C-alpha atoms as a PDB file:
ATOM      1  CA  MET A   1     -52.116  11.671 -10.972  1.00  0.00           C
ATOM      2  CA  ALA A   2     -51.289   8.004 -11.888  1.00  0.00           C
ATOM      3  CA  PRO A   3     -50.511   5.900  -9.042  1.00  0.00           C
ATOM      4  CA  ILE A   4     -46.846   5.096  -8.431  1.00  0.00           C
ATOM      5  CA  THR A   5     -46.073   1.349  -8.931  1.00  0.00           C
ATOM      6  CA  ARG A   6     -43.281  -0.984  -8.194  1.00  0.00           C
ATOM      7  CA  ALA A   7     -42.234  -0.773 -11.677  1.00  0.00           C
ATOM      8  CA  ASP A   8     -41.208   2.821 -11.205  1.00  0.00           C
ATOM      9  CA  PHE A   9     -38.454   1.673  -8.789  1.00  0.00           C
ATOM     10  CA  GLU A  10     -37.110  -1.325 -10.673  1.00  0.00           C
ATOM     11  CA  GLY A  11     -34.312  -1.302 -13.254  1.00  0.00           C
ATOM     12  CA  PHE A  12     -30.824  -0.338 -13.412  1.00  0.00           C
ATOM     13  CA  LEU A  13     -28.731   2.467 -11.845  1.00  0.00           C
ATOM     14  CA  ASP A  14     -26.122   3.495 -14.346  1.00  0.00           C
ATOM     15  CA  PRO A  15     -22.565   4.208 -13.123  1.00  0.00           C
ATOM     16  CA  ALA A  16     -23.280   7.875 -12.568  1.00  0.00           C
ATOM     17  CA  GLU A  17     -26.248   7.206 -10.457  1.00  0.00           C
ATOM     18  CA  SER A  18     -24.720   4.423  -8.448  1.00  0.00           C
ATOM     19  CA  ALA A  19     -21.420   6.226  -8.126  1.00  0.00           C
ATOM     20  CA  PRO A  20     -22.216   7.323  -4.571  1.00  0.00           C
ATOM     21  CA  ILE A  21     -22.978   3.881  -3.440  1.00  0.00           C
ATOM     22  CA  PHE A  22     -19.785   2.444  -4.887  1.00  0.00           C
ATOM     23  CA  ASN A  23     -17.677   5.345  -3.659  1.00  0.00           C
ATOM     24  CA  GLU A  24     -18.979   4.783  -0.076  1.00  0.00           C
ATOM     25  CA  ALA A  25     -18.337   1.022  -0.513  1.00  0.00           C
ATOM     26  CA  ARG A  26     -14.867   1.585  -1.617  1.00  0.00           C
ATOM     27  CA  ARG A  27     -14.018   3.842   1.369  1.00  0.00           C
ATOM     28  CA  GLY A  28     -15.384   1.410   3.630  1.00  0.00           C
ATOM     29  CA  SER A  29     -13.396  -1.523   2.135  1.00  0.00           C
ATOM     30  CA  VAL A  30      -9.825  -1.814   3.270  1.00  0.00           C
ATOM     31  CA  PHE A  31      -8.627  -3.864   0.326  1.00  0.00           C
ATOM     32  CA  GLN A  32     -10.296  -1.733  -2.208  1.00  0.00           C
ATOM     33  CA  GLN A  33      -8.105   1.142  -0.919  1.00  0.00           C
ATOM     34  CA  LEU A  34      -4.890  -0.849  -1.019  1.00  0.00           C
ATOM     35  CA  ILE A  35      -5.439  -2.797  -4.293  1.00  0.00           C
ATOM     36  CA  ARG A  36      -5.552  -0.944  -7.684  1.00  0.00           C
ATOM     37  CA  GLN A  37      -8.912  -0.801  -9.485  1.00  0.00           C
ATOM     38  CA  VAL A  38      -9.199  -1.786 -13.204  1.00  0.00           C
ATOM     39  CA  PRO A  39     -11.830  -1.369 -15.843  1.00  0.00           C
ATOM     40  CA  LEU A  40     -14.080  -4.544 -15.978  1.00  0.00           C
ATOM     41  CA  GLY A  41     -16.539  -5.574 -18.483  1.00  0.00           C
ATOM     42  CA  ILE A  42     -19.468  -8.165 -18.211  1.00  0.00           C
ATOM     43  CA  ASN A  43     -17.371 -10.794 -19.984  1.00  0.00           C
ATOM     44  CA  GLY A  44     -14.294 -10.272 -17.789  1.00  0.00           C
ATOM     45  CA  GLN A  45     -10.868  -8.890 -18.878  1.00  0.00           C
ATOM     46  CA  LYS A  46      -7.248  -9.713 -19.141  1.00  0.00           C
ATOM     47  CA  ILE A  47      -5.082  -7.413 -17.063  1.00  0.00           C
ATOM     48  CA  PRO A  48      -1.299  -7.142 -16.752  1.00  0.00           C
ATOM     49  CA  VAL A  49       0.047  -7.919 -13.209  1.00  0.00           C
ATOM     50  CA  ARG A  50       3.761  -7.530 -12.375  1.00  0.00           C
ATOM     51  CA  VAL A  51       5.295 -10.874 -11.564  1.00  0.00           C
ATOM     52  CA  GLY A  52       9.026 -10.210 -12.033  1.00  0.00           C
ATOM     53  CA  GLN A  53      11.831  -7.605 -12.314  1.00  0.00           C
ATOM     54  CA  THR A  54      12.838  -5.881 -15.409  1.00  0.00           C
ATOM     55  CA  THR A  55      16.384  -5.213 -15.617  1.00  0.00           C
ATOM     56  CA  ALA A  56      18.993  -3.190 -17.912  1.00  0.00           C
ATOM     57  CA  ASN A  57      22.693  -3.666 -18.104  1.00  0.00           C
ATOM     58  CA  TRP A  58      25.662  -1.821 -19.530  1.00  0.00           C
ATOM     59  CA  VAL A  59      26.756  -2.559 -23.155  1.00  0.00           C
ATOM     60  CA  GLY A  60      30.353  -2.235 -24.520  1.00  0.00           C
ATOM     61  CA  GLU A  61      31.126  -1.010 -27.892  1.00  0.00           C
ATOM     62  CA  ALA A  62      30.052  -3.484 -30.667  1.00  0.00           C
ATOM     63  CA  GLN A  63      28.631  -5.928 -28.054  1.00  0.00           C
ATOM     64  CA  ARG A  64      25.358  -7.494 -27.852  1.00  0.00           C
ATOM     65  CA  LYS A  65      22.593  -5.723 -25.955  1.00  0.00           C
ATOM     66  CA  PRO A  66      21.139  -7.776 -23.037  1.00  0.00           C
ATOM     67  CA  GLN A  67      17.750  -9.113 -23.020  1.00  0.00           C
ATOM     68  CA  THR A  68      15.290  -8.818 -20.176  1.00  0.00           C
ATOM     69  CA  GLU A  69      11.828 -10.043 -19.136  1.00  0.00           C
ATOM     70  CA  LEU A  70       9.041  -7.416 -18.993  1.00  0.00           C
ATOM     71  CA  GLY A  71       7.966  -8.974 -15.555  1.00  0.00           C
ATOM     72  CA  LEU A  72       4.378  -8.940 -16.610  1.00  0.00           C
ATOM     73  CA  ASP A  73       1.710 -11.639 -16.708  1.00  0.00           C
ATOM     74  CA  LEU A  74      -1.798 -11.505 -18.146  1.00  0.00           C
ATOM     75  CA  LEU A  75      -4.321 -12.621 -15.747  1.00  0.00           C
ATOM     76  CA  HIS A  76      -8.117 -12.905 -16.366  1.00  0.00           C
ATOM     77  CA  ILE A  77     -10.345 -11.212 -14.022  1.00  0.00           C
ATOM     78  CA  GLU A  78     -14.024 -12.313 -14.116  1.00  0.00           C
ATOM     79  CA  PRO A  79     -16.995 -10.633 -12.536  1.00  0.00           C
ATOM     80  CA  LYS A  80     -19.032 -12.341  -9.750  1.00  0.00           C
ATOM     81  CA  LYS A  81     -22.438 -11.357  -8.602  1.00  0.00           C
ATOM     82  CA  LEU A  82     -22.909  -9.673  -5.142  1.00  0.00           C
ATOM     83  CA  ALA A  83     -26.458  -9.128  -3.766  1.00  0.00           C
ATOM     84  CA  ALA A  84     -28.332  -7.846  -0.744  1.00  0.00           C
ATOM     85  CA  ILE A  85     -31.881  -7.468   0.216  1.00  0.00           C
ATOM     86  CA  ALA A  86     -32.890  -4.421   2.379  1.00  0.00           C
ATOM     87  CA  VAL A  87     -36.412  -4.493   4.021  1.00  0.00           C
ATOM     88  CA  SER A  88     -38.273  -1.436   5.013  1.00  0.00           C
ATOM     89  CA  SER A  89     -41.680  -0.452   6.218  1.00  0.00           C
ATOM     90  CA  ALA A  90     -44.179   0.737   3.669  1.00  0.00           C
ATOM     91  CA  GLU A  91     -44.548   3.976   5.671  1.00  0.00           C
ATOM     92  CA  VAL A  92     -40.830   4.761   5.205  1.00  0.00           C
ATOM     93  CA  VAL A  93     -41.143   4.095   1.403  1.00  0.00           C
ATOM     94  CA  ARG A  94     -44.266   6.405   1.225  1.00  0.00           C
ATOM     95  CA  ALA A  95     -42.289   9.087   2.997  1.00  0.00           C
ATOM     96  CA  ASN A  96     -39.694   9.420   0.282  1.00  0.00           C
ATOM     97  CA  PRO A  97     -40.379   6.882  -2.677  1.00  0.00           C
ATOM     98  CA  GLY A  98     -38.399   8.713  -5.251  1.00  0.00           C
ATOM     99  CA  ASP A  99     -35.117   8.189  -3.217  1.00  0.00           C
ATOM    100  CA  ILE A 100     -35.788   4.555  -2.151  1.00  0.00           C
ATOM    101  CA  VAL A 101     -32.386   3.464  -2.977  1.00  0.00           C
ATOM    102  CA  GLY A 102     -30.793   6.421  -1.342  1.00  0.00           C
ATOM    103  CA  GLU A 103     -32.401   5.386   1.891  1.00  0.00           C
ATOM    104  CA  ILE A 104     -30.448   2.352   2.073  1.00  0.00           C
ATOM    105  CA  ARG A 105     -27.303   3.556   0.473  1.00  0.00           C
ATOM    106  CA  SER A 106     -25.218   3.460   3.619  1.00  0.00           C
ATOM    107  CA  ASP A 107     -26.305   0.034   4.802  1.00  0.00           C
ATOM    108  CA  LEU A 108     -25.807  -1.391   1.210  1.00  0.00           C
ATOM    109  CA  ALA A 109     -22.391   0.155   0.654  1.00  0.00           C
ATOM    110  CA  GLY A 110     -21.272  -1.285   4.135  1.00  0.00           C
ATOM    111  CA  ALA A 111     -22.595  -4.716   3.174  1.00  0.00           C
ATOM    112  CA  PHE A 112     -20.858  -4.670  -0.317  1.00  0.00           C
ATOM    113  CA  ALA A 113     -17.595  -3.636   1.454  1.00  0.00           C
ATOM    114  CA  THR A 114     -17.470  -6.239   4.084  1.00  0.00           C
ATOM    115  CA  ALA A 115     -18.541  -8.996   1.694  1.00  0.00           C
ATOM    116  CA  PHE A 116     -15.790  -7.982  -0.782  1.00  0.00           C
ATOM    117  CA  ASP A 117     -13.083  -7.807   1.949  1.00  0.00           C
ATOM    118  CA  LEU A 118     -14.090 -11.328   3.369  1.00  0.00           C
ATOM    119  CA  ALA A 119     -14.034 -12.775  -0.069  1.00  0.00           C
ATOM    120  CA  VAL A 120     -10.716 -11.339  -1.090  1.00  0.00           C
ATOM    121  CA  ALA A 121      -8.991 -12.247   2.246  1.00  0.00           C
ATOM    122  CA  TYR A 122     -10.581 -15.547   3.211  1.00  0.00           C
ATOM    123  CA  ASN A 123     -12.805 -16.860   0.443  1.00  0.00           C
ATOM    124  CA  VAL A 124     -15.896 -16.687   2.674  1.00  0.00           C
ATOM    125  CA  GLY A 125     -19.371 -15.140   2.183  1.00  0.00           C
ATOM    126  CA  GLY A 126     -20.385 -11.726   3.510  1.00  0.00           C
ATOM    127  CA  ASP A 127     -21.590 -13.081   6.778  1.00  0.00           C
ATOM    128  CA  GLY A 128     -18.309 -14.831   7.264  1.00  0.00           C
ATOM    129  CA  THR A 129     -19.628 -18.304   6.388  1.00  0.00           C
ATOM    130  CA  GLY A 130     -19.794 -20.430   3.228  1.00  0.00           C
ATOM    131  CA  THR A 131     -17.526 -19.979   0.284  1.00  0.00           C
ATOM    132  CA  GLY A 132     -16.437 -16.892  -1.688  1.00  0.00           C
ATOM    133  CA  PRO A 133     -16.626 -16.484  -5.450  1.00  0.00           C
ATOM    134  CA  PHE A 134     -12.797 -15.834  -6.425  1.00  0.00           C
ATOM    135  CA  ASP A 135     -10.098 -18.543  -7.464  1.00  0.00           C
ATOM    136  CA  ASN A 136      -7.522 -17.258  -5.097  1.00  0.00           C
ATOM    137  CA  TYR A 137      -7.442 -15.222  -1.870  1.00  0.00           C
ATOM    138  CA  LEU A 138      -4.876 -13.670   0.296  1.00  0.00           C
ATOM    139  CA  ALA A 139      -5.108 -16.205   3.226  1.00  0.00           C
ATOM    140  CA  GLU A 140      -3.715 -18.890   0.932  1.00  0.00           C
ATOM    141  CA  THR A 141      -0.297 -17.429   1.624  1.00  0.00           C
ATOM    142  CA  THR A 142       2.103 -19.887   3.461  1.00  0.00           C
ATOM    143  CA  LYS A 143       3.760 -16.909   5.305  1.00  0.00           C
ATOM    144  CA  SER A 144       2.364 -16.140   8.909  1.00  0.00           C
ATOM    145  CA  VAL A 145       3.426 -14.387  11.978  1.00  0.00           C
ATOM    146  CA  THR A 146       1.569 -14.450  15.357  1.00  0.00           C
ATOM    147  CA  LEU A 147       1.323 -10.956  16.965  1.00  0.00           C
ATOM    148  CA  GLY A 148       2.716 -11.387  20.472  1.00  0.00           C
ATOM    149  CA  THR A 149       5.503 -13.678  19.505  1.00  0.00           C
ATOM    150  CA  ALA A 150       8.137 -11.185  20.439  1.00  0.00           C
ATOM    151  CA  SER A 151       8.237  -9.925  24.072  1.00  0.00           C
ATOM    152  CA  GLY A 152       8.330  -6.309  25.017  1.00  0.00           C
ATOM    153  CA  ALA A 153      12.145  -6.662  25.549  1.00  0.00           C
ATOM    154  CA  GLN A 154      12.509  -8.127  22.029  1.00  0.00           C
ATOM    155  CA  GLY A 155      10.638  -5.252  20.373  1.00  0.00           C
ATOM    156  CA  GLY A 156       7.022  -6.365  20.852  1.00  0.00           C
ATOM    157  CA  ILE A 157       4.601  -5.881  17.950  1.00  0.00           C
ATOM    158  CA  HIS A 158       7.285  -3.763  15.952  1.00  0.00           C
ATOM    159  CA  ALA A 159       9.470  -6.945  15.950  1.00  0.00           C
ATOM    160  CA  ASP A 160       6.579  -9.029  14.840  1.00  0.00           C
ATOM    161  CA  LEU A 161       5.750  -6.782  11.920  1.00  0.00           C
ATOM    162  CA  VAL A 162       9.456  -6.749  11.023  1.00  0.00           C
ATOM    163  CA  ALA A 163       9.410 -10.608  11.188  1.00  0.00           C
ATOM    164  CA  GLY A 164       6.650 -10.645   8.626  1.00  0.00           C
ATOM    165  CA  MET A 165       8.718  -8.220   6.490  1.00  0.00           C
ATOM    166  CA  ARG A 166      11.687 -10.604   6.622  1.00  0.00           C
ATOM    167  CA  LEU A 167       9.609 -13.562   5.395  1.00  0.00           C
ATOM    168  CA  LEU A 168       8.672 -11.611   2.384  1.00  0.00           C
ATOM    169  CA  VAL A 169      12.160 -10.244   1.756  1.00  0.00           C
ATOM    170  CA  ASN A 170      13.802 -13.496   2.142  1.00  0.00           C
ATOM    171  CA  ASP A 171      11.401 -14.949  -0.504  1.00  0.00           C
ATOM    172  CA  GLY A 172      12.290 -12.012  -2.879  1.00  0.00           C
ATOM    173  CA  LYS A 173       8.954 -10.332  -2.191  1.00  0.00           C
ATOM    174  CA  LYS A 174       8.289  -6.725  -1.213  1.00  0.00           C
ATOM    175  CA  LEU A 175       6.147  -5.210   1.638  1.00  0.00           C
ATOM    176  CA  ARG A 176       4.214  -2.330   0.199  1.00  0.00           C
ATOM    177  CA  GLY A 177       1.359  -1.856   2.679  1.00  0.00           C
ATOM    178  CA  PHE A 178      -0.754  -3.348   5.540  1.00  0.00           C
ATOM    179  CA  ALA A 179      -4.413  -4.267   5.994  1.00  0.00           C
ATOM    180  CA  LEU A 180      -5.511  -4.438   9.581  1.00  0.00           C
ATOM    181  CA  ASP A 181      -8.653  -5.368  11.442  1.00  0.00           C
ATOM    182  CA  ASP A 182      -9.983  -2.668  13.725  1.00  0.00           C
ATOM    183  CA  SER A 183      -9.917  -5.293  16.656  1.00  0.00           C
ATOM    184  CA  VAL A 184      -6.078  -4.780  16.985  1.00  0.00           C
ATOM    185  CA  GLU A 185      -6.276  -1.024  17.085  1.00  0.00           C
ATOM    186  CA  PRO A 186      -5.642  -0.694  20.805  1.00  0.00           C
ATOM    187  CA  ASP A 187      -2.562  -2.813  20.526  1.00  0.00           C
ATOM    188  CA  PHE A 188      -0.992  -0.560  17.956  1.00  0.00           C
ATOM    189  CA  TRP A 189      -1.841   2.644  19.634  1.00  0.00           C
ATOM    190  CA  GLY A 190       0.373   1.663  22.637  1.00  0.00           C
ATOM    191  CA  ALA A 191       3.189   0.120  20.580  1.00  0.00           C
ATOM    192  CA  VAL A 192       6.494   1.917  19.830  1.00  0.00           C
ATOM    193  CA  ASP A 193       9.414   1.142  17.441  1.00  0.00           C
ATOM    194  CA  GLY A 194      13.018   0.645  18.582  1.00  0.00           C
ATOM    195  CA  ASN A 195      13.623   4.341  19.013  1.00  0.00           C
ATOM    196  CA  GLY A 196      10.520   4.832  21.308  1.00  0.00           C
ATOM    197  CA  HIS A 197       8.507   6.522  18.487  1.00  0.00           C
ATOM    198  CA  PRO A 198       4.807   5.592  17.991  1.00  0.00           C
ATOM    199  CA  LEU A 199       4.709   2.404  15.776  1.00  0.00           C
ATOM    200  CA  TYR A 200       1.206   3.335  14.070  1.00  0.00           C
ATOM    201  CA  VAL A 201       0.622   6.818  12.756  1.00  0.00           C
ATOM    202  CA  ASN A 202      -2.958   7.778  12.111  1.00  0.00           C
ATOM    203  CA  LEU A 203      -3.575   9.922   9.133  1.00  0.00           C
ATOM    204  CA  PRO A 204      -6.277  12.569   9.281  1.00  0.00           C
ATOM    205  CA  THR A 205      -9.486  12.208   7.359  1.00  0.00           C
ATOM    206  CA  ASP A 206     -12.379  14.534   6.764  1.00  0.00           C
ATOM    207  CA  ASP A 207     -14.841  11.885   7.458  1.00  0.00           C
ATOM    208  CA  VAL A 208     -15.693  11.039  11.015  1.00  0.00           C
ATOM    209  CA  SER A 209     -17.806   7.948  10.047  1.00  0.00           C
ATOM    210  CA  GLN A 210     -16.446   4.843  11.682  1.00  0.00           C
ATOM    211  CA  THR A 211     -17.558   2.829   8.677  1.00  0.00           C
ATOM    212  CA  ILE A 212     -14.705   3.929   6.523  1.00  0.00           C
ATOM    213  CA  ALA A 213     -11.355   2.216   6.218  1.00  0.00           C
ATOM    214  CA  ARG A 214      -9.010   4.383   8.295  1.00  0.00           C
ATOM    215  CA  PRO A 215      -5.574   5.355   6.833  1.00  0.00           C
ATOM    216  CA  GLY A 216      -2.315   5.112   8.657  1.00  0.00           C
ATOM    217  CA  ARG A 217       1.388   4.364   8.395  1.00  0.00           C
ATOM    218  CA  LEU A 218       3.260   1.335   9.567  1.00  0.00           C
ATOM    219  CA  LEU A 219       6.986   0.780   9.029  1.00  0.00           C
ATOM    220  CA  GLY A 220       6.748   3.672   6.573  1.00  0.00           C
ATOM    221  CA  ARG A 221       4.176   1.871   4.391  1.00  0.00           C
ATOM    222  CA  PRO A 222       0.459   2.925   3.837  1.00  0.00           C
ATOM    223  CA  SER A 223      -2.000   0.839   6.185  1.00  0.00           C
ATOM    224  CA  PHE A 224      -5.792   0.681   6.241  1.00  0.00           C
ATOM    225  CA  MET A 225      -7.655  -0.432   9.279  1.00  0.00           C
ATOM    226  CA  GLY A 226     -11.427  -1.298   9.236  1.00  0.00           C
ATOM    227  CA  GLU A 227     -14.034  -4.003   9.586  1.00  0.00           C
ATOM    228  CA  GLY A 228     -13.980  -7.174   7.551  1.00  0.00           C
ATOM    229  CA  VAL A 229     -10.226  -7.713   7.515  1.00  0.00           C
ATOM    230  CA  GLY A 230     -10.085 -10.105  10.468  1.00  0.00           C
ATOM    231  CA  HIS A 231     -11.549 -13.620  10.433  1.00  0.00           C
ATOM    232  CA  GLY A 232     -10.826 -16.526  12.726  1.00  0.00           C
ATOM    233  CA  ASP A 233      -7.300 -16.215  14.119  1.00  0.00           C
ATOM    234  CA  VAL A 234      -6.074 -13.775  11.306  1.00  0.00           C
ATOM    235  CA  VAL A 235      -6.198 -10.000  12.084  1.00  0.00           C
ATOM    236  CA  GLY A 236      -4.179  -8.567   9.261  1.00  0.00           C
ATOM    237  CA  PHE A 237      -2.154  -8.769   6.199  1.00  0.00           C
ATOM    238  CA  GLY A 238       1.081  -7.183   4.975  1.00  0.00           C
ATOM    239  CA  GLY A 239       2.522  -7.614   1.451  1.00  0.00           C
ATOM    240  CA  ASP A 240       2.827  -6.484  -2.113  1.00  0.00           C
ATOM    241  CA  PHE A 241      -0.639  -5.225  -3.030  1.00  0.00           C
ATOM    242  CA  SER A 242       0.420  -4.441  -6.708  1.00  0.00           C
ATOM    243  CA  LYS A 243       0.221  -8.204  -7.241  1.00  0.00           C
ATOM    244  CA  ALA A 244      -3.699  -7.915  -7.114  1.00  0.00           C
ATOM    245  CA  ALA A 245      -6.477  -6.076  -8.908  1.00  0.00           C
ATOM    246  CA  TRP A 246     -10.118  -5.522  -8.629  1.00  0.00           C
ATOM    247  CA  GLY A 247     -13.030  -4.116 -10.712  1.00  0.00           C
ATOM    248  CA  VAL A 248     -16.687  -3.619 -10.755  1.00  0.00           C
ATOM    249  CA  VAL A 249     -19.100  -3.920 -13.752  1.00  0.00           C
ATOM    250  CA  GLY A 250     -21.277  -0.932 -14.643  1.00  0.00           C
ATOM    251  CA  GLY A 251     -23.878  -0.044 -12.008  1.00  0.00           C
ATOM    252  CA  ILE A 252     -26.537  -1.639  -9.894  1.00  0.00           C
ATOM    253  CA  ASN A 253     -29.505  -3.794 -10.750  1.00  0.00           C
ATOM    254  CA  TYR A 254     -32.302  -3.436  -8.274  1.00  0.00           C
ATOM    255  CA  ARG A 255     -35.862  -4.766  -7.824  1.00  0.00           C
ATOM    256  CA  VAL A 256     -38.686  -3.842  -5.415  1.00  0.00           C
ATOM    257  CA  SER A 257     -41.366  -6.170  -4.061  1.00  0.00           C
ATOM    258  CA  THR A 258     -44.261  -5.809  -1.559  1.00  0.00           C
ATOM    259  CA  GLU A 259     -45.710  -9.328  -2.223  1.00  0.00           C
ATOM    260  CA  ALA A 260     -42.692 -11.771  -1.950  1.00  0.00           C
ATOM    261  CA  ALA A 261     -41.538 -13.538   1.068  1.00  0.00           C
ATOM    262  CA  VAL A 262     -38.083 -12.900   2.628  1.00  0.00           C
ATOM    263  CA  THR A 263     -36.185 -14.646   5.341  1.00  0.00           C
ATOM    264  CA  LEU A 264     -35.823 -12.350   8.508  1.00  0.00           C
ATOM    265  CA  ASN A 265     -34.161 -13.513  11.601  1.00  0.00           C
ATOM    266  CA  GLY A 266     -34.331 -17.132  10.289  1.00  0.00           C
ATOM    267  CA  SER A 267     -37.825 -17.168   9.512  1.00  0.00           C
ATOM    268  CA  LEU A 268     -39.840 -16.656   6.207  1.00  0.00           C
ATOM    269  CA  VAL A 269     -41.852 -13.529   6.367  1.00  0.00           C
ATOM    270  CA  SER A 270     -44.606 -12.339   4.062  1.00  0.00           C
ATOM    271  CA  LEU A 271     -44.078  -8.795   2.954  1.00  0.00           C
ATOM    272  CA  PHE A 272     -47.693  -8.310   2.040  1.00  0.00           C
ATOM    273  CA  GLU A 273     -49.048  -9.605   5.394  1.00  0.00           C
ATOM    274  CA  ASN A 274     -46.589  -7.431   7.386  1.00  0.00           C
ATOM    275  CA  ASN A 275     -46.825  -4.296   5.319  1.00  0.00           C
ATOM    276  CA  LEU A 276     -43.135  -4.405   4.271  1.00  0.00           C
ATOM    277  CA  VAL A 277     -41.152  -3.449   1.208  1.00  0.00           C
ATOM    278  CA  ALA A 278     -38.049  -5.341   0.054  1.00  0.00           C
ATOM    279  CA  ILE A 279     -35.344  -3.902  -2.134  1.00  0.00           C
ATOM    280  CA  LEU A 280     -33.013  -6.287  -3.885  1.00  0.00           C
ATOM    281  CA  ALA A 281     -29.790  -4.807  -5.016  1.00  0.00           C
ATOM    282  CA  GLU A 282     -27.136  -6.666  -7.116  1.00  0.00           C
ATOM    283  CA  ALA A 283     -23.610  -5.609  -8.498  1.00  0.00           C
ATOM    284  CA  GLU A 284     -20.824  -7.649 -10.083  1.00  0.00           C
ATOM    285  CA  TYR A 285     -17.313  -7.499  -8.733  1.00  0.00           C
ATOM    286  CA  GLY A 286     -14.035  -9.080  -9.933  1.00  0.00           C
ATOM    287  CA  PHE A 287     -10.735  -9.701  -8.206  1.00  0.00           C
ATOM    288  CA  VAL A 288      -7.456 -11.433  -9.058  1.00  0.00           C
ATOM    289  CA  VAL A 289      -4.218 -11.969  -7.251  1.00  0.00           C
ATOM    290  CA  ALA A 290      -1.083 -13.140  -9.179  1.00  0.00           C
ATOM    291  CA  ASP A 291       0.964 -14.480  -6.131  1.00  0.00           C
ATOM    292  CA  THR A 292      -0.566 -15.179  -2.744  1.00  0.00           C
ATOM    293  CA  ASP A 293       2.903 -15.698  -1.238  1.00  0.00           C
ATOM    294  CA  ALA A 294       3.509 -11.996  -1.840  1.00  0.00           C
ATOM    295  CA  PHE A 295       1.562 -11.528   1.321  1.00  0.00           C
ATOM    296  CA  VAL A 296       2.019 -12.391   5.014  1.00  0.00           C
ATOM    297  CA  LYS A 297      -0.806 -12.943   7.467  1.00  0.00           C
ATOM    298  CA  TYR A 298      -0.744 -11.695  10.973  1.00  0.00           C
ATOM    299  CA  GLU A 299      -2.571 -13.801  13.462  1.00  0.00           C
ATOM    300  CA  ARG A 300      -4.077 -12.977  16.847  1.00  0.00           C
ATOM    301  CA  ALA A 301      -1.766 -12.581  19.637  1.00  0.00           C
ATOM    302  CA  ALA A 302      -1.607 -15.618  22.082  1.00  0.00           C
ATOM    303  CA  ALA A 303      -2.964 -14.849  25.721  1.00  0.00           C
ATOM    304  CA  GLY A 304      -0.235 -13.427  27.941  1.00  0.00           C
ATOM    305  CA  GLY A 305       2.232 -12.999  25.081  1.00  0.00           C
ATOM    306  CA  GLY A 306       3.922 -10.081  23.392  1.00  0.00           C
ATOM    307  CA  ASP A 307       4.020  -6.448  24.123  1.00  0.00           C
END
């Protein structure tokens, strides 16, 4: 039999083959759950995003029919490359070489999901530092509420969430959903509304994995809770997620090397010398938001405040 070479593992996973990785990444991404996905080509695409309100009015006999704006704007969504390098021992590769990408699927999907959410929300890299690739991001909103502003007697977290809704409504915006970091989950489990009912309602899921974005309901709106939503003092967002869109181009490009050097724990390590194998995976994501002020950010509660 001919020996298996690195070339056997290099190339391109088409959309059908890479679907499990992208599906897992989507389930792990809070914002990919809340924001609609659109088709995306290698050269980008113009997509319609609702920016106004279409109206109709009554017309009398022989009177002129009223005009209205369609309330749509065409925005250009452009793909940006996201990459990750996974390193494994040569023994693991030899044990199952034909499924080498499958071996790292969960870790790869989690890395893609976290990097996407941090870029969409804060314009930072997948490790929480540096700069993200997209032109606009949700934390650019001028609206913010600090959880813990309202005392327990004033309504606690429920009142804080309503305060965020009021900022949106007073500006002619809509509250259609919430994205929350899992660091605030303990605060929401103990919170109640003005009638004493649980504020946060967890929706059942058939997946027990803690890496998925967990669905729930807040103020009658869909919410998703997971990693990658919080950064710095911000722990969540509420707003009109129909003002944004995301897409992914094709499948995944990947390459395998046993001879290159990679940086591990801050040091450059020779793969050949240490009997290691590196798998480089790349994909292209796009994101666009029409109106960052259609969102409100919720910041971390001050010490000793709130409910």
